[in-house]
Amino acid sequence: MKIKAIESICKSNKTIMLGEVGGVQWISDGGGCYPLHGLPILDEGNVFTIFDIPEDKRDKFLFNDTGSFAENPSFEDTEPGEMVLEQGGLALYASGRFLIPLKTGSGLVFINNRRLAPFSDSDQGVTLNERTGKSGRTYIAVKDGFLLAGIIYPVNVITKELVHELDELHKLALIAALNSTLKEEPEQTSLGDYEEQEEEDK
């Protein structure tokens, strides 16, 4: 787990939420939750110092150490009904963010690519698993092997305008694919073909 990447996420959203689950301290910025392995117990007295946040900027942060996280997700390693999601090779750049589309049981959702940065040091890579919260909202359980390594909430970017734009891109892609088929190079003509044609003309 890359602590610097977690620090960057919390600083970006100016939110730090702390809580302990199963003997492990977790940190959240409201859009994701990450375990704090290998660190001293963080509290309001030291987290700003460890994250190198100057005193004159600390009042701009939302701080909460009650242990309450958004949506109250499950921190269990496994959940009944969770499904492993496939990560495609496509990303969408919108509102200054690279978003990764994921196909879930409730349709297409997007997650912010930077939220995967804390897991980039995993030896075997991580899997993204679909879970459903008590409110019925889909969230993503990030797992390293069989263990829960973090939680990511999808970004709410799907609007009528976005759906329309994606539909337009789909239509244009089909047109481009058709044009590329029509413009395929003709078969190469060999010297032998010319010689055969000359014989026929004689």
Protein backbone atom coordinates (compact mmCIF):
# COMPACT_ATOMS: atom_id res chain seq x y z
CA MET A 1 0.00 0.00 0.00
CA LYS A 2 1.47 3.33 -1.06
CA ILE A 3 0.85 5.79 1.77
CA LYS A 4 1.97 8.75 -0.36
CA ALA A 5 -0.81 7.99 -2.85
CA ILE A 6 -3.38 7.90 -0.02
CA GLU A 7 -2.00 11.19 1.30
CA SER A 8 -2.39 12.76 -2.15
CA ILE A 9 -6.01 11.61 -2.41
CA CYS A 10 -6.93 13.00 1.02
CA LYS A 11 -5.19 16.30 0.30
CA SER A 12 -6.93 16.62 -3.06
CA ASN A 13 -10.40 16.25 -1.51
CA LYS A 14 -9.44 18.04 1.73
CA THR A 15 -11.08 15.27 3.74
CA ILE A 16 -9.60 12.90 6.32
CA MET A 17 -11.79 10.30 8.02
CA LEU A 18 -10.32 7.76 10.43
CA GLY A 19 -11.78 4.61 11.95
CA GLU A 20 -10.79 1.22 13.29
CA VAL A 21 -12.24 -2.01 11.94
CA GLY A 22 -11.14 -5.43 13.15
CA GLY A 23 -8.04 -4.07 14.82
CA VAL A 24 -6.92 -2.22 11.68
CA GLN A 25 -7.11 1.54 11.27
CA TRP A 26 -8.66 2.76 8.02
CA ILE A 27 -8.56 6.18 6.38
CA SER A 28 -11.06 7.67 3.93
CA ASP A 29 -11.55 10.81 1.91
CA GLY A 30 -15.25 10.06 1.41
CA GLY A 31 -14.73 8.41 -1.99
CA GLY A 32 -12.62 5.46 -0.92
CA CYS A 33 -11.29 3.65 2.15
CA TYR A 34 -7.73 2.40 2.68
CA PRO A 35 -6.10 0.36 5.50
CA LEU A 36 -3.15 1.96 7.30
CA HIS A 37 -0.70 -0.89 7.69
CA GLY A 38 2.74 -0.20 9.13
CA LEU A 39 1.88 3.24 10.52
CA PRO A 40 1.40 4.46 14.07
CA ILE A 41 -2.20 5.08 15.10
CA LEU A 42 -3.25 8.33 13.44
CA ASP A 43 -5.34 10.98 15.15
CA GLU A 44 -6.00 14.68 14.74
CA GLY A 45 -2.80 15.44 16.61
CA ASN A 46 -0.43 13.67 14.22
CA VAL A 47 -2.15 13.00 10.89
CA PHE A 48 -1.70 16.56 9.65
CA THR A 49 1.97 16.45 10.60
CA ILE A 50 2.56 13.07 8.91
CA PHE A 51 0.75 14.30 5.79
CA ASP A 52 2.81 17.52 5.87
CA ILE A 53 -0.22 19.83 6.02
CA PRO A 54 0.70 23.29 7.39
CA GLU A 55 -1.22 24.57 10.41
CA ASP A 56 -2.68 27.52 8.48
CA LYS A 57 -4.35 25.11 6.01
CA ARG A 58 -5.71 22.53 8.45
CA ASP A 59 -8.96 24.38 9.06
CA LYS A 60 -9.81 23.90 5.37
CA PHE A 61 -9.96 20.11 5.87
CA LEU A 62 -12.97 18.08 6.93
CA PHE A 63 -11.71 15.84 9.74
CA ASN A 64 -13.66 13.00 11.31
CA ASP A 65 -12.33 10.26 13.58
CA THR A 66 -15.64 8.77 14.70
CA GLY A 67 -15.09 5.67 12.57
CA SER A 68 -18.13 6.40 10.43
CA PHE A 69 -17.49 6.02 6.71
CA ALA A 70 -19.67 6.86 3.74
CA GLU A 71 -22.28 4.18 3.03
CA ASN A 72 -20.87 2.05 5.89
CA PRO A 73 -19.37 -0.60 3.56
CA SER A 74 -18.51 -4.13 4.58
CA PHE A 75 -14.88 -4.56 5.61
CA GLU A 76 -15.06 -8.35 5.44
CA ASP A 77 -12.68 -10.15 3.10
CA THR A 78 -15.57 -11.85 1.37
CA GLU A 79 -19.23 -10.97 0.93
CA PRO A 80 -22.06 -13.20 -0.33
CA GLY A 81 -22.94 -12.38 -3.92
CA GLU A 82 -19.86 -10.27 -4.70
CA MET A 83 -18.63 -10.57 -8.28
CA VAL A 84 -15.18 -10.07 -9.79
CA LEU A 85 -15.27 -7.32 -12.41
CA GLU A 86 -13.29 -7.25 -15.62
CA GLN A 87 -11.04 -4.25 -16.17
CA GLY A 88 -11.13 -3.14 -19.78
CA GLY A 89 -8.38 -1.34 -21.63
CA LEU A 90 -10.52 1.75 -22.15
CA ALA A 91 -10.45 4.92 -20.05
CA LEU A 92 -12.55 8.08 -20.28
CA TYR A 93 -11.17 11.55 -19.57
CA ALA A 94 -13.89 13.76 -18.11
CA SER A 95 -13.90 16.77 -15.78
CA GLY A 96 -10.13 16.57 -15.38
CA ARG A 97 -10.17 12.90 -14.34
CA PHE A 98 -9.28 9.62 -16.01
CA LEU A 99 -12.24 7.34 -15.38
CA ILE A 100 -12.26 3.56 -15.76
CA PRO A 101 -15.57 2.00 -16.88
CA LEU A 102 -16.68 -1.19 -15.15
CA LYS A 103 -19.57 -3.46 -16.15
CA THR A 104 -21.62 -4.27 -13.06
CA GLY A 105 -24.95 -5.90 -12.36
CA SER A 106 -26.49 -2.42 -12.08
CA GLY A 107 -25.04 -1.20 -15.38
CA LEU A 108 -21.95 0.78 -16.26
CA VAL A 109 -20.09 2.57 -13.45
CA PHE A 110 -16.90 4.61 -13.48
CA ILE A 111 -14.10 4.81 -10.93
CA ASN A 112 -11.37 7.42 -10.76
CA ASN A 113 -8.13 5.91 -12.02
CA ARG A 114 -6.05 7.69 -9.34
CA ARG A 115 -7.84 5.69 -6.64
CA LEU A 116 -5.96 2.61 -7.83
CA ALA A 117 -2.58 4.26 -7.19
CA PRO A 118 -2.34 3.11 -3.52
CA PHE A 119 -2.44 -0.53 -4.72
CA SER A 120 0.22 -0.20 -7.44
CA ASP A 121 2.85 -1.92 -5.30
CA SER A 122 0.87 -5.14 -5.02
CA ASP A 123 3.05 -8.06 -6.11
CA GLN A 124 0.27 -9.99 -7.82
CA GLY A 125 -2.01 -7.09 -8.73
CA VAL A 126 -5.48 -6.48 -7.34
CA THR A 127 -8.96 -7.52 -8.42
CA LEU A 128 -12.03 -5.29 -8.41
CA ASN A 129 -15.15 -6.84 -6.95
CA GLU A 130 -18.71 -5.57 -7.10
CA ARG A 131 -20.54 -5.27 -3.80
CA THR A 132 -23.87 -3.73 -2.89
CA GLY A 133 -24.28 -1.54 0.18
CA LYS A 134 -27.27 -1.48 2.52
CA SER A 135 -28.66 1.47 0.56
CA GLY A 136 -28.53 -0.57 -2.64
CA ARG A 137 -25.62 1.47 -4.01
CA THR A 138 -22.83 -0.39 -5.81
CA TYR A 139 -19.31 -0.02 -4.49
CA ILE A 140 -16.02 -1.68 -5.42
CA ALA A 141 -14.07 -3.93 -3.05
CA VAL A 142 -10.40 -3.98 -4.03
CA LYS A 143 -8.83 -7.32 -3.13
CA ASP A 144 -5.21 -8.41 -3.00
CA GLY A 145 -5.51 -12.15 -3.39
CA PHE A 146 -8.31 -13.17 -1.02
CA LEU A 147 -7.88 -10.19 1.33
CA LEU A 148 -9.71 -6.89 1.23
CA ALA A 149 -7.19 -4.17 0.37
CA GLY A 150 -9.50 -1.19 -0.01
CA ILE A 151 -12.86 0.19 -1.06
CA ILE A 152 -13.66 2.53 -3.95
CA TYR A 153 -16.95 4.29 -4.62
CA PRO A 154 -17.96 4.88 -8.25
CA VAL A 155 -17.93 8.44 -9.56
CA ASN A 156 -21.37 9.80 -10.40
CA VAL A 157 -20.70 11.12 -13.91
CA ILE A 158 -23.42 9.40 -15.92
CA THR A 159 -25.81 12.00 -17.31
CA LYS A 160 -28.05 12.17 -20.37
CA GLU A 161 -25.38 14.30 -22.03
CA LEU A 162 -22.67 11.69 -21.37
CA VAL A 163 -24.86 8.85 -22.64
CA HIS A 164 -25.61 10.87 -25.79
CA GLU A 165 -21.92 11.60 -26.35
CA LEU A 166 -20.96 7.95 -25.89
CA ASP A 167 -23.69 6.97 -28.35
CA GLU A 168 -22.32 9.46 -30.89
CA LEU A 169 -18.79 8.09 -30.42
CA HIS A 170 -20.13 4.56 -30.92
CA LYS A 171 -21.79 5.55 -34.20
CA LEU A 172 -18.65 7.34 -35.42
CA ALA A 173 -16.52 4.33 -34.50
CA LEU A 174 -18.77 2.08 -36.59
CA ILE A 175 -18.46 4.47 -39.55
CA ALA A 176 -14.67 4.57 -39.15
CA ALA A 177 -14.55 0.76 -39.03
CA LEU A 178 -16.67 0.53 -42.20
CA ASN A 179 -14.47 3.08 -44.02
CA SER A 180 -11.29 1.26 -43.05
CA THR A 181 -12.78 -1.96 -44.48
CA LEU A 182 -13.65 -0.26 -47.77
CA LYS A 183 -10.17 1.25 -48.08
CA GLU A 184 -8.25 -1.97 -47.65
CA GLU A 185 -5.22 -2.26 -49.96
CA PRO A 186 -5.95 -4.34 -53.09
CA GLU A 187 -4.12 -7.60 -53.49
CA GLN A 188 -0.56 -7.14 -54.74
CA THR A 189 -0.06 -7.97 -58.41
CA SER A 190 3.00 -10.06 -59.18
CA LEU A 191 5.27 -9.88 -62.23
CA GLY A 192 3.94 -13.27 -63.26
CA ASP A 193 0.44 -11.81 -63.53
CA TYR A 194 1.68 -9.23 -66.03
CA GLU A 195 3.50 -11.88 -68.08
CA GLU A 196 0.34 -14.03 -68.22
CA GLN A 197 -1.70 -11.04 -69.37
CA GLU A 198 0.85 -10.28 -72.15
CA GLU A 199 0.62 -13.87 -73.40
CA GLU A 200 -3.17 -13.61 -73.53
CA ASP A 201 -2.97 -10.34 -75.49
CA LYS A 202 -0.73 -11.87 -78.22
